[in-house]
C-alpha cells in the first residue's frame, strides 16, 4: 500500500515539474488543438509545425503540435518547381500552453527576383530528365535538387525528384519534418541561383 502511494506521489510531483503543451495533428489543414498534456520531465519546449504544398491541382496542408526536448532555431523554408511548391515553418516556445495559438504563413511573394534555376518534378522516381529554366520569386534565391520518399497524406509514400528554386535558410540542411512527411532523404543539394 505504501509503495503504491509513494509511486503515485512521485508521478504527481514529476508531472508538476513538466511543461504542458498541446499535442495534436491534422493532415487536412494548418490548425489543430487539444487539451494540454504533460511532457516528459526532460522536455522544456513546445513546438508547432505547419506545412503547405501544391502539386498540380492537389493541395496539402499539415500541422503538428507537441513537446520538444531541445530548442532548435525557428525556421521557414519554401521551394518551388514547375507546377508545384511547398512551404514549411516550425516555431518553438517555452511555457505552459504556449503552442495553443495557431501560426500562419504570410502571403507568398510572387515578385520575380532575377534568379533562374533548372526546374522539373517527377512523382514516380528519383530521376528528372527534362528540365526547364524557372524564374524564381520572393526569397527563393537558391537552386535546389531533392530526391527522396515523401508522404503528404499519411497513406501514400512516393519516390520524388525535384529541381527548382528554394529559400536560402535551411536549404542545404533540410530540417527534420515531423509526422513522416519526408520518409527518406536520398539527396538534397542547394546552390546559389544564377542572376539573369
N, C-alpha and C. Protein backbone atom coordinates (compact mmCIF):
# COMPACT_ATOMS: atom_id res chain seq x y z
N UNK A 1 0.82 -1.19 0.00
CA UNK A 1 0.00 0.00 0.00
C UNK A 1 0.86 1.25 0.00
N UNK A 2 1.88 1.27 0.90
CA UNK A 2 2.76 2.44 0.98
C UNK A 2 3.53 2.62 -0.33
N UNK A 3 3.92 1.53 -0.95
CA UNK A 3 4.67 1.62 -2.21
C UNK A 3 3.80 2.25 -3.30
N UNK A 4 2.52 1.87 -3.32
CA UNK A 4 1.60 2.43 -4.31
C UNK A 4 1.42 3.93 -4.09
N UNK A 5 1.21 4.35 -2.85
CA UNK A 5 1.05 5.78 -2.55
C UNK A 5 2.31 6.57 -2.87
N UNK A 6 3.47 5.98 -2.57
CA UNK A 6 4.73 6.66 -2.87
C UNK A 6 4.91 6.84 -4.37
N UNK A 7 4.58 5.80 -5.17
CA UNK A 7 4.73 5.92 -6.62
C UNK A 7 3.74 6.92 -7.19
N UNK A 8 2.51 6.97 -6.64
CA UNK A 8 1.52 7.94 -7.08
C UNK A 8 1.98 9.37 -6.77
N UNK A 9 2.52 9.58 -5.56
CA UNK A 9 3.02 10.90 -5.18
C UNK A 9 4.18 11.32 -6.08
N UNK A 10 5.10 10.38 -6.39
CA UNK A 10 6.23 10.68 -7.27
C UNK A 10 5.74 11.08 -8.66
N UNK A 11 4.74 10.36 -9.18
CA UNK A 11 4.20 10.67 -10.51
C UNK A 11 3.57 12.06 -10.53
N UNK A 12 2.86 12.41 -9.47
CA UNK A 12 2.24 13.74 -9.40
C UNK A 12 3.28 14.84 -9.33
N UNK A 13 4.35 14.61 -8.56
CA UNK A 13 5.42 15.61 -8.46
C UNK A 13 6.13 15.76 -9.79
N UNK A 14 6.42 14.63 -10.46
CA UNK A 14 7.10 14.69 -11.76
C UNK A 14 6.25 15.43 -12.78
N UNK A 15 4.93 15.15 -12.79
CA UNK A 15 4.05 15.84 -13.73
C UNK A 15 3.99 17.33 -13.41
N UNK A 16 4.09 17.67 -12.14
CA UNK A 16 4.06 19.07 -11.75
C UNK A 16 5.27 19.84 -12.24
N UNK A 17 6.38 19.17 -12.52
CA UNK A 17 7.60 19.80 -13.00
C UNK A 17 7.70 19.79 -14.52
N UNK A 18 6.70 19.26 -15.20
CA UNK A 18 6.75 19.14 -16.66
C UNK A 18 6.06 20.33 -17.30
N UNK A 19 6.57 20.70 -18.46
CA UNK A 19 5.90 21.72 -19.27
C UNK A 19 4.64 21.08 -19.86
N UNK A 20 3.61 21.89 -20.04
CA UNK A 20 2.34 21.41 -20.60
C UNK A 20 2.20 22.00 -22.01
N UNK A 21 1.97 21.13 -23.01
CA UNK A 21 1.85 21.57 -24.40
C UNK A 21 0.62 20.96 -25.04
N UNK A 22 0.13 21.60 -26.08
CA UNK A 22 -0.87 20.95 -26.92
C UNK A 22 -0.14 19.88 -27.73
N UNK A 23 -0.80 18.75 -27.95
CA UNK A 23 -0.23 17.67 -28.75
C UNK A 23 -1.33 17.18 -29.68
N UNK A 24 -1.21 17.57 -30.97
CA UNK A 24 -2.25 17.22 -31.94
C UNK A 24 -1.66 17.26 -33.34
N UNK A 25 -2.42 16.76 -34.30
CA UNK A 25 -2.01 16.84 -35.70
C UNK A 25 -3.23 16.89 -36.59
N UNK A 26 -3.03 17.39 -37.79
CA UNK A 26 -4.10 17.48 -38.77
C UNK A 26 -3.46 17.46 -40.15
N UNK A 27 -3.81 16.49 -40.97
CA UNK A 27 -3.27 16.40 -42.33
C UNK A 27 -4.22 17.01 -43.35
N UNK A 28 -5.22 17.75 -42.88
CA UNK A 28 -6.17 18.41 -43.78
C UNK A 28 -6.35 19.87 -43.43
N UNK A 29 -5.32 20.52 -42.90
CA UNK A 29 -5.42 21.93 -42.54
C UNK A 29 -4.21 22.34 -41.72
N UNK A 30 -4.09 23.63 -41.44
CA UNK A 30 -2.94 24.10 -40.67
C UNK A 30 -3.32 24.52 -39.26
N UNK A 31 -4.46 24.01 -38.77
CA UNK A 31 -4.84 24.26 -37.38
C UNK A 31 -5.22 22.95 -36.71
N UNK A 32 -4.94 22.87 -35.43
CA UNK A 32 -5.41 21.78 -34.59
C UNK A 32 -5.34 22.25 -33.15
N UNK A 33 -6.06 21.59 -32.27
CA UNK A 33 -6.00 21.93 -30.85
C UNK A 33 -6.29 20.68 -30.03
N UNK A 34 -5.84 20.71 -28.81
CA UNK A 34 -6.07 19.61 -27.89
C UNK A 34 -6.00 20.14 -26.47
N UNK A 35 -6.37 19.32 -25.54
CA UNK A 35 -6.12 19.64 -24.14
C UNK A 35 -4.62 19.66 -23.93
N UNK A 36 -4.17 20.39 -22.93
CA UNK A 36 -2.74 20.41 -22.63
C UNK A 36 -2.34 19.07 -22.03
N UNK A 37 -1.18 18.57 -22.47
CA UNK A 37 -0.65 17.31 -21.94
C UNK A 37 0.70 17.59 -21.28
N UNK A 38 1.01 16.84 -20.26
CA UNK A 38 2.30 16.98 -19.58
C UNK A 38 3.37 16.31 -20.42
N UNK A 39 4.42 17.04 -20.73
CA UNK A 39 5.54 16.49 -21.49
C UNK A 39 6.45 15.71 -20.53
N UNK A 40 7.37 14.95 -21.08
CA UNK A 40 8.35 14.26 -20.26
C UNK A 40 9.12 15.29 -19.45
N UNK A 41 9.60 14.93 -18.26
CA UNK A 41 10.30 15.90 -17.41
C UNK A 41 11.53 16.55 -18.06
N UNK A 42 12.19 15.85 -19.00
CA UNK A 42 13.38 16.42 -19.63
C UNK A 42 13.04 17.35 -20.79
N UNK A 43 11.75 17.56 -21.09
CA UNK A 43 11.31 18.41 -22.19
C UNK A 43 11.08 19.83 -21.69
N UNK A 44 11.60 20.80 -22.41
CA UNK A 44 11.49 22.20 -21.99
C UNK A 44 10.71 23.08 -22.96
N UNK A 45 10.37 22.57 -24.15
CA UNK A 45 9.77 23.42 -25.18
C UNK A 45 8.54 22.76 -25.79
N UNK A 46 7.66 23.60 -26.30
CA UNK A 46 6.54 23.16 -27.13
C UNK A 46 6.88 23.54 -28.57
N UNK A 47 6.30 22.84 -29.53
CA UNK A 47 6.56 23.14 -30.93
C UNK A 47 5.26 23.17 -31.72
N UNK A 48 5.29 23.95 -32.79
CA UNK A 48 4.21 23.95 -33.79
C UNK A 48 4.88 23.92 -35.16
N UNK A 49 4.43 22.99 -36.00
CA UNK A 49 4.95 22.84 -37.36
C UNK A 49 3.78 22.92 -38.32
N UNK A 50 3.90 23.78 -39.35
CA UNK A 50 2.88 23.81 -40.41
C UNK A 50 3.56 23.59 -41.77
N UNK A 51 2.82 22.97 -42.67
CA UNK A 51 3.32 22.62 -44.00
C UNK A 51 2.21 22.86 -44.99
N UNK A 52 2.56 23.42 -46.14
CA UNK A 52 1.60 23.69 -47.19
C UNK A 52 2.26 23.37 -48.52
N UNK A 53 1.59 22.62 -49.36
CA UNK A 53 2.15 22.28 -50.68
C UNK A 53 1.04 22.24 -51.71
N UNK A 54 1.44 22.52 -52.93
CA UNK A 54 0.53 22.37 -54.06
C UNK A 54 1.29 21.67 -55.17
N UNK A 55 0.71 20.58 -55.65
CA UNK A 55 1.32 19.80 -56.73
C UNK A 55 0.25 19.65 -57.80
N UNK A 56 0.44 20.36 -58.90
CA UNK A 56 -0.60 20.36 -59.93
C UNK A 56 -1.88 20.94 -59.37
N UNK A 57 -2.95 20.16 -59.37
CA UNK A 57 -4.24 20.63 -58.86
C UNK A 57 -4.50 20.18 -57.42
N UNK A 58 -3.57 19.44 -56.83
CA UNK A 58 -3.75 18.95 -55.46
C UNK A 58 -3.09 19.88 -54.46
N UNK A 59 -3.80 20.18 -53.38
CA UNK A 59 -3.27 21.00 -52.30
C UNK A 59 -3.18 20.16 -51.03
N UNK A 60 -2.15 20.44 -50.24
CA UNK A 60 -1.92 19.72 -48.98
C UNK A 60 -1.62 20.73 -47.89
N UNK A 61 -2.25 20.56 -46.73
CA UNK A 61 -1.98 21.38 -45.55
C UNK A 61 -1.84 20.44 -44.36
N UNK A 62 -0.79 20.65 -43.57
CA UNK A 62 -0.49 19.75 -42.45
C UNK A 62 -0.04 20.58 -41.26
N UNK A 63 -0.43 20.16 -40.06
CA UNK A 63 0.05 20.78 -38.83
C UNK A 63 0.35 19.68 -37.81
N UNK A 64 1.43 19.89 -37.05
CA UNK A 64 1.77 19.04 -35.91
C UNK A 64 2.10 19.95 -34.74
N UNK A 65 1.59 19.63 -33.56
CA UNK A 65 1.95 20.33 -32.33
C UNK A 65 2.38 19.29 -31.30
N UNK A 66 3.36 19.65 -30.47
CA UNK A 66 3.78 18.70 -29.46
C UNK A 66 4.86 19.24 -28.56
N UNK A 67 5.56 18.32 -27.92
CA UNK A 67 6.64 18.62 -26.98
C UNK A 67 7.97 18.46 -27.69
N UNK A 68 8.96 19.24 -27.30
CA UNK A 68 10.29 19.16 -27.91
C UNK A 68 11.33 19.24 -26.81
N UNK A 69 12.31 18.31 -26.84
CA UNK A 69 13.28 18.26 -25.75
C UNK A 69 14.37 19.31 -25.85
N UNK A 70 14.63 19.81 -27.04
CA UNK A 70 15.63 20.88 -27.15
C UNK A 70 15.12 21.94 -28.13
N UNK A 71 15.56 23.16 -27.91
CA UNK A 71 15.10 24.25 -28.77
C UNK A 71 16.01 24.37 -29.98
N UNK A 72 15.45 24.13 -31.11
CA UNK A 72 16.15 24.38 -32.35
C UNK A 72 15.75 25.78 -32.79
N UNK A 73 16.41 26.29 -33.78
CA UNK A 73 16.06 27.63 -34.27
C UNK A 73 14.76 27.55 -35.06
N UNK A 74 13.86 28.50 -34.82
CA UNK A 74 12.65 28.58 -35.63
C UNK A 74 13.06 28.69 -37.09
N UNK A 75 12.27 28.12 -37.98
CA UNK A 75 12.63 28.22 -39.39
C UNK A 75 11.41 28.34 -40.29
N UNK A 76 11.68 28.87 -41.49
CA UNK A 76 10.73 28.93 -42.59
C UNK A 76 11.50 28.53 -43.83
N UNK A 77 10.93 27.67 -44.64
CA UNK A 77 11.57 27.28 -45.90
C UNK A 77 10.50 27.20 -46.98
N UNK A 78 10.86 27.62 -48.17
CA UNK A 78 9.95 27.47 -49.31
C UNK A 78 10.74 26.95 -50.50
N UNK A 79 10.05 26.15 -51.31
CA UNK A 79 10.63 25.60 -52.53
C UNK A 79 9.56 25.63 -53.62
N UNK A 80 9.99 25.83 -54.85
CA UNK A 80 9.04 25.79 -55.95
C UNK A 80 9.69 25.17 -57.18
N UNK A 81 8.87 24.42 -57.91
CA UNK A 81 9.29 23.82 -59.18
C UNK A 81 8.23 24.19 -60.21
N UNK A 82 8.29 23.59 -61.36
CA UNK A 82 7.26 23.83 -62.36
C UNK A 82 6.00 23.09 -61.91
N UNK A 83 4.93 23.82 -61.68
CA UNK A 83 3.67 23.21 -61.29
C UNK A 83 3.58 22.75 -59.85
N UNK A 84 4.51 23.19 -58.99
CA UNK A 84 4.48 22.73 -57.60
C UNK A 84 5.22 23.71 -56.69
N UNK A 85 4.81 23.75 -55.43
CA UNK A 85 5.56 24.49 -54.42
C UNK A 85 5.32 23.85 -53.06
N UNK A 86 6.19 24.14 -52.12
CA UNK A 86 5.99 23.73 -50.73
C UNK A 86 6.53 24.81 -49.81
N UNK A 87 5.90 24.93 -48.65
CA UNK A 87 6.37 25.83 -47.61
C UNK A 87 6.27 25.09 -46.28
N UNK A 88 7.25 25.31 -45.41
CA UNK A 88 7.22 24.70 -44.08
C UNK A 88 7.72 25.72 -43.07
N UNK A 89 7.12 25.70 -41.89
CA UNK A 89 7.53 26.61 -40.82
C UNK A 89 7.41 25.87 -39.49
N UNK A 90 8.44 26.02 -38.67
CA UNK A 90 8.43 25.43 -37.33
C UNK A 90 8.76 26.51 -36.32
N UNK A 91 7.97 26.55 -35.24
CA UNK A 91 8.13 27.55 -34.19
C UNK A 91 8.21 26.83 -32.85
N UNK A 92 9.19 27.20 -32.04
CA UNK A 92 9.37 26.64 -30.70
C UNK A 92 9.04 27.71 -29.67
N UNK A 93 8.53 27.29 -28.51
CA UNK A 93 8.22 28.24 -27.45
C UNK A 93 8.38 27.56 -26.10
N UNK A 94 8.47 28.37 -25.07
CA UNK A 94 8.69 27.84 -23.73
C UNK A 94 7.62 28.40 -22.80
N UNK A 95 6.89 27.54 -22.14
CA UNK A 95 5.84 27.96 -21.22
C UNK A 95 4.60 27.12 -21.42
N UNK A 96 3.90 26.84 -20.35
CA UNK A 96 2.71 26.00 -20.43
C UNK A 96 1.71 26.56 -21.44
N UNK A 97 1.29 25.72 -22.38
CA UNK A 97 0.27 26.09 -23.35
C UNK A 97 0.71 27.10 -24.39
N UNK A 98 2.02 27.34 -24.50
CA UNK A 98 2.48 28.39 -25.43
C UNK A 98 2.21 28.05 -26.89
N UNK A 99 2.02 26.77 -27.22
CA UNK A 99 1.73 26.42 -28.62
C UNK A 99 0.23 26.28 -28.87
N UNK A 100 -0.58 26.88 -28.00
CA UNK A 100 -2.04 26.83 -28.18
C UNK A 100 -2.51 27.69 -29.35
N UNK A 101 -1.80 28.79 -29.60
CA UNK A 101 -2.23 29.63 -30.73
C UNK A 101 -1.73 29.01 -32.03
N UNK A 102 -2.53 29.15 -33.07
CA UNK A 102 -2.15 28.64 -34.39
C UNK A 102 -1.26 29.67 -35.08
N UNK A 103 -0.35 29.19 -35.91
CA UNK A 103 0.52 30.07 -36.68
C UNK A 103 0.09 30.01 -38.13
N UNK A 104 0.43 31.05 -38.89
CA UNK A 104 0.02 31.14 -40.29
C UNK A 104 1.20 31.55 -41.16
N UNK A 105 1.16 31.12 -42.40
CA UNK A 105 2.11 31.59 -43.38
C UNK A 105 1.74 33.01 -43.80
N UNK A 106 2.75 33.81 -44.11
CA UNK A 106 2.48 35.10 -44.73
C UNK A 106 2.13 34.84 -46.19
N UNK A 107 1.46 35.76 -46.86
CA UNK A 107 1.14 35.56 -48.28
C UNK A 107 2.43 35.33 -49.08
N UNK A 108 2.33 34.50 -50.11
CA UNK A 108 3.51 34.21 -50.94
C UNK A 108 3.91 35.45 -51.72
N UNK A 109 5.21 35.67 -51.81
CA UNK A 109 5.76 36.76 -52.60
C UNK A 109 6.05 36.22 -54.00
N UNK A 110 5.27 36.62 -54.98
CA UNK A 110 5.43 36.14 -56.35
C UNK A 110 6.19 37.10 -57.25
N UNK A 111 6.90 38.06 -56.63
CA UNK A 111 7.69 39.01 -57.41
C UNK A 111 8.99 38.33 -57.87
N UNK A 112 9.24 38.36 -59.17
CA UNK A 112 10.48 37.75 -59.69
C UNK A 112 11.69 38.47 -59.09
N UNK A 113 12.70 37.69 -58.70
CA UNK A 113 13.88 38.26 -58.02
C UNK A 113 15.12 38.28 -58.91
N UNK A 114 15.00 37.93 -60.18
CA UNK A 114 16.14 37.97 -61.08
C UNK A 114 17.00 36.72 -61.08
N UNK A 115 16.58 35.67 -60.36
CA UNK A 115 17.32 34.41 -60.31
C UNK A 115 16.56 33.37 -61.12
N UNK A 116 17.32 32.53 -61.83
CA UNK A 116 16.73 31.41 -62.56
C UNK A 116 17.39 30.11 -62.11
N UNK A 117 16.59 29.04 -62.10
CA UNK A 117 17.09 27.70 -61.74
C UNK A 117 16.51 26.67 -62.69
N UNK A 118 17.24 25.58 -62.91
CA UNK A 118 16.65 24.46 -63.64
C UNK A 118 15.51 23.88 -62.80
N UNK A 119 14.41 23.49 -63.44
CA UNK A 119 13.26 23.01 -62.68
C UNK A 119 12.59 21.84 -63.38
N UNK A 120 12.16 20.89 -62.57
CA UNK A 120 11.32 19.79 -63.03
C UNK A 120 10.78 19.07 -61.80
N UNK A 121 9.81 18.21 -62.02
CA UNK A 121 9.17 17.46 -60.93
C UNK A 121 8.83 16.08 -61.45
N UNK A 122 9.26 15.04 -60.74
CA UNK A 122 8.91 13.67 -61.07
C UNK A 122 8.35 13.04 -59.81
N UNK A 123 7.10 12.59 -59.84
CA UNK A 123 6.44 11.99 -58.67
C UNK A 123 6.45 10.47 -58.71
N UNK A 124 7.25 9.90 -59.63
CA UNK A 124 7.27 8.44 -59.76
C UNK A 124 8.68 7.86 -59.74
N UNK A 125 9.66 8.64 -59.33
CA UNK A 125 11.02 8.11 -59.29
C UNK A 125 12.04 9.18 -58.97
N UNK A 126 13.30 8.75 -58.91
CA UNK A 126 14.38 9.64 -58.49
C UNK A 126 15.04 10.41 -59.63
N UNK A 127 14.59 10.22 -60.87
CA UNK A 127 15.23 10.90 -61.98
C UNK A 127 14.32 11.99 -62.54
N UNK A 128 14.96 13.06 -62.95
CA UNK A 128 14.25 14.18 -63.57
C UNK A 128 15.03 14.51 -64.84
N UNK A 129 14.57 14.06 -65.98
CA UNK A 129 15.36 14.18 -67.20
C UNK A 129 15.14 15.49 -67.94
N UNK A 130 13.93 15.96 -68.03
CA UNK A 130 13.64 17.15 -68.82
C UNK A 130 13.46 18.35 -67.90
N UNK A 131 14.46 19.21 -67.88
CA UNK A 131 14.41 20.40 -67.03
C UNK A 131 14.21 21.63 -67.90
N UNK A 132 13.50 22.61 -67.34
CA UNK A 132 13.33 23.90 -67.98
C UNK A 132 13.82 24.95 -66.99
N UNK A 133 14.12 26.14 -67.47
CA UNK A 133 14.55 27.21 -66.57
C UNK A 133 13.33 27.88 -65.96
N UNK A 134 13.39 28.07 -64.65
CA UNK A 134 12.29 28.70 -63.91
C UNK A 134 12.75 30.03 -63.35
N UNK A 135 11.91 31.06 -63.49
CA UNK A 135 12.18 32.35 -62.85
C UNK A 135 11.79 32.25 -61.39
N UNK A 136 12.75 32.47 -60.49
CA UNK A 136 12.48 32.37 -59.06
C UNK A 136 11.81 33.64 -58.56
N UNK A 137 11.11 33.52 -57.43
CA UNK A 137 10.37 34.65 -56.86
C UNK A 137 10.67 34.80 -55.38
N UNK A 138 10.35 35.99 -54.85
CA UNK A 138 10.47 36.23 -53.41
C UNK A 138 11.88 35.99 -52.90
N UNK A 139 11.98 35.26 -51.77
CA UNK A 139 13.28 34.99 -51.17
C UNK A 139 13.91 33.70 -51.65
N UNK A 140 13.35 33.09 -52.69
CA UNK A 140 13.91 31.86 -53.25
C UNK A 140 15.06 32.20 -54.19
N UNK A 141 16.26 32.32 -53.63
CA UNK A 141 17.44 32.73 -54.41
C UNK A 141 18.44 31.59 -54.58
N UNK A 142 18.10 30.39 -54.14
CA UNK A 142 18.94 29.22 -54.32
C UNK A 142 18.26 28.25 -55.29
N UNK A 143 19.07 27.41 -55.92
CA UNK A 143 18.55 26.31 -56.73
C UNK A 143 18.66 25.04 -55.91
N UNK A 144 17.61 24.22 -55.93
CA UNK A 144 17.57 23.01 -55.12
C UNK A 144 17.39 21.79 -56.01
N UNK A 145 18.01 20.69 -55.59
CA UNK A 145 17.83 19.38 -56.21
C UNK A 145 17.57 18.42 -55.06
N UNK A 146 16.36 17.86 -55.01
CA UNK A 146 15.97 16.94 -53.93
C UNK A 146 15.49 15.63 -54.52
N UNK A 147 15.92 14.52 -53.91
CA UNK A 147 15.40 13.19 -54.24
C UNK A 147 15.09 12.50 -52.93
N UNK A 148 13.94 11.86 -52.85
CA UNK A 148 13.59 11.15 -51.63
C UNK A 148 12.21 10.54 -51.70
N UNK A 149 11.78 10.01 -50.56
CA UNK A 149 10.45 9.44 -50.43
C UNK A 149 9.65 10.36 -49.52
N UNK A 150 8.52 10.85 -50.02
CA UNK A 150 7.67 11.74 -49.24
C UNK A 150 6.27 11.13 -49.12
N UNK A 151 5.55 11.55 -48.08
CA UNK A 151 4.18 11.09 -47.88
C UNK A 151 3.37 12.27 -47.35
N UNK A 152 2.61 12.90 -48.22
CA UNK A 152 1.85 14.09 -47.85
C UNK A 152 0.48 13.77 -47.27
N UNK A 153 -0.01 12.55 -47.48
CA UNK A 153 -1.34 12.18 -46.99
C UNK A 153 -1.29 11.27 -45.77
N UNK A 154 -0.14 10.69 -45.48
CA UNK A 154 -0.06 9.71 -44.41
C UNK A 154 -0.41 8.32 -44.88
N UNK A 155 -0.72 8.17 -46.17
CA UNK A 155 -1.16 6.88 -46.70
C UNK A 155 -0.55 6.55 -48.06
N UNK A 156 0.29 7.44 -48.62
CA UNK A 156 0.74 7.24 -49.99
C UNK A 156 2.19 7.68 -50.17
N UNK A 157 3.16 6.91 -49.64
CA UNK A 157 4.56 7.28 -49.86
C UNK A 157 4.92 7.20 -51.34
N UNK A 158 5.71 8.19 -51.81
CA UNK A 158 6.10 8.17 -53.21
C UNK A 158 7.53 8.66 -53.37
N UNK A 159 8.23 8.04 -54.32
CA UNK A 159 9.57 8.49 -54.68
C UNK A 159 9.43 9.73 -55.54
N UNK A 160 10.21 10.77 -55.20
CA UNK A 160 10.12 12.02 -55.97
C UNK A 160 11.51 12.54 -56.30
N UNK A 161 11.57 13.30 -57.37
CA UNK A 161 12.75 14.09 -57.73
C UNK A 161 12.26 15.49 -58.04
N UNK A 162 12.92 16.49 -57.46
CA UNK A 162 12.51 17.87 -57.63
C UNK A 162 13.75 18.73 -57.91
N UNK A 163 13.67 19.55 -58.93
CA UNK A 163 14.61 20.63 -59.18
C UNK A 163 13.81 21.91 -59.18
N UNK A 164 14.35 22.97 -58.59
CA UNK A 164 13.63 24.23 -58.60
C UNK A 164 14.32 25.29 -57.77
N UNK A 165 13.54 26.26 -57.31
CA UNK A 165 14.03 27.38 -56.51
C UNK A 165 13.76 27.12 -55.04
N UNK A 166 14.59 27.68 -54.15
CA UNK A 166 14.40 27.48 -52.71
C UNK A 166 14.90 28.70 -51.95
N UNK A 167 14.29 28.93 -50.80
CA UNK A 167 14.79 29.99 -49.92
C UNK A 167 16.12 29.56 -49.33
N UNK A 168 16.94 30.52 -48.95
CA UNK A 168 18.31 30.23 -48.54
C UNK A 168 18.39 29.52 -47.20
N UNK A 169 17.58 29.93 -46.23
CA UNK A 169 17.66 29.37 -44.88
C UNK A 169 17.31 27.90 -44.90
N UNK A 170 18.15 27.09 -44.34
CA UNK A 170 17.96 25.65 -44.20
C UNK A 170 17.96 24.89 -45.52
N UNK A 171 18.35 25.51 -46.59
CA UNK A 171 18.26 24.85 -47.89
C UNK A 171 19.15 23.62 -47.96
N UNK A 172 20.43 23.74 -47.59
CA UNK A 172 21.32 22.59 -47.64
C UNK A 172 21.17 21.67 -46.45
N UNK A 173 20.62 22.18 -45.36
CA UNK A 173 20.44 21.37 -44.16
C UNK A 173 18.96 21.21 -43.92
N UNK A 174 18.36 20.32 -44.71
CA UNK A 174 16.92 20.12 -44.66
C UNK A 174 16.50 19.74 -43.25
N UNK A 175 15.59 20.50 -42.65
CA UNK A 175 15.16 20.17 -41.30
C UNK A 175 14.37 18.86 -41.29
N UNK A 176 14.29 18.25 -40.13
CA UNK A 176 13.51 17.03 -39.98
C UNK A 176 12.04 17.44 -39.83
N UNK A 177 11.25 17.13 -40.83
CA UNK A 177 9.82 17.42 -40.76
C UNK A 177 9.17 16.36 -39.87
N UNK A 178 8.31 16.75 -38.94
CA UNK A 178 7.64 15.76 -38.10
C UNK A 178 6.58 15.00 -38.89
N UNK A 179 6.11 13.91 -38.33
CA UNK A 179 4.97 13.20 -38.90
C UNK A 179 5.25 12.38 -40.13
N UNK A 180 6.50 12.12 -40.44
CA UNK A 180 6.81 11.26 -41.57
C UNK A 180 6.51 11.86 -42.93
N UNK A 181 6.56 13.20 -43.06
CA UNK A 181 6.33 13.82 -44.36
C UNK A 181 7.46 13.44 -45.31
N UNK A 182 8.70 13.59 -44.84
CA UNK A 182 9.85 13.11 -45.61
C UNK A 182 10.31 11.81 -44.95
N UNK A 183 10.07 10.71 -45.63
CA UNK A 183 10.39 9.40 -45.08
C UNK A 183 11.86 9.08 -45.32
N UNK A 184 12.37 9.47 -46.48
CA UNK A 184 13.75 9.15 -46.84
C UNK A 184 14.32 10.32 -47.65
N UNK A 185 15.40 10.88 -47.16
CA UNK A 185 16.10 11.97 -47.84
C UNK A 185 17.31 11.36 -48.54
N UNK A 186 17.13 11.02 -49.81
CA UNK A 186 18.22 10.39 -50.57
C UNK A 186 19.27 11.40 -50.98
N UNK A 187 18.82 12.59 -51.39
CA UNK A 187 19.76 13.59 -51.90
C UNK A 187 19.13 14.97 -51.75
N UNK A 188 19.88 15.91 -51.23
CA UNK A 188 19.41 17.29 -51.12
C UNK A 188 20.61 18.21 -51.29
N UNK A 189 20.58 19.03 -52.34
CA UNK A 189 21.68 19.95 -52.58
C UNK A 189 21.13 21.30 -53.01
N UNK A 190 21.71 22.35 -52.46
CA UNK A 190 21.36 23.70 -52.86
C UNK A 190 22.60 24.40 -53.39
N UNK A 191 22.40 25.20 -54.41
CA UNK A 191 23.48 26.02 -54.96
C UNK A 191 22.94 27.43 -55.15
N UNK A 192 23.84 28.39 -55.25
CA UNK A 192 23.41 29.76 -55.48
C UNK A 192 22.75 29.84 -56.86
N UNK A 193 21.63 30.56 -56.90
CA UNK A 193 20.93 30.73 -58.16
C UNK A 193 21.68 31.68 -59.08
N UNK A 194 21.43 31.56 -60.40
CA UNK A 194 22.08 32.42 -61.37
C UNK A 194 21.24 33.66 -61.59
N UNK A 195 21.87 34.82 -61.42
CA UNK A 195 21.19 36.09 -61.72
C UNK A 195 21.11 36.25 -63.24
N UNK A 196 19.98 36.71 -63.72
CA UNK A 196 19.82 36.92 -65.17
C UNK A 196 19.57 38.39 -65.47
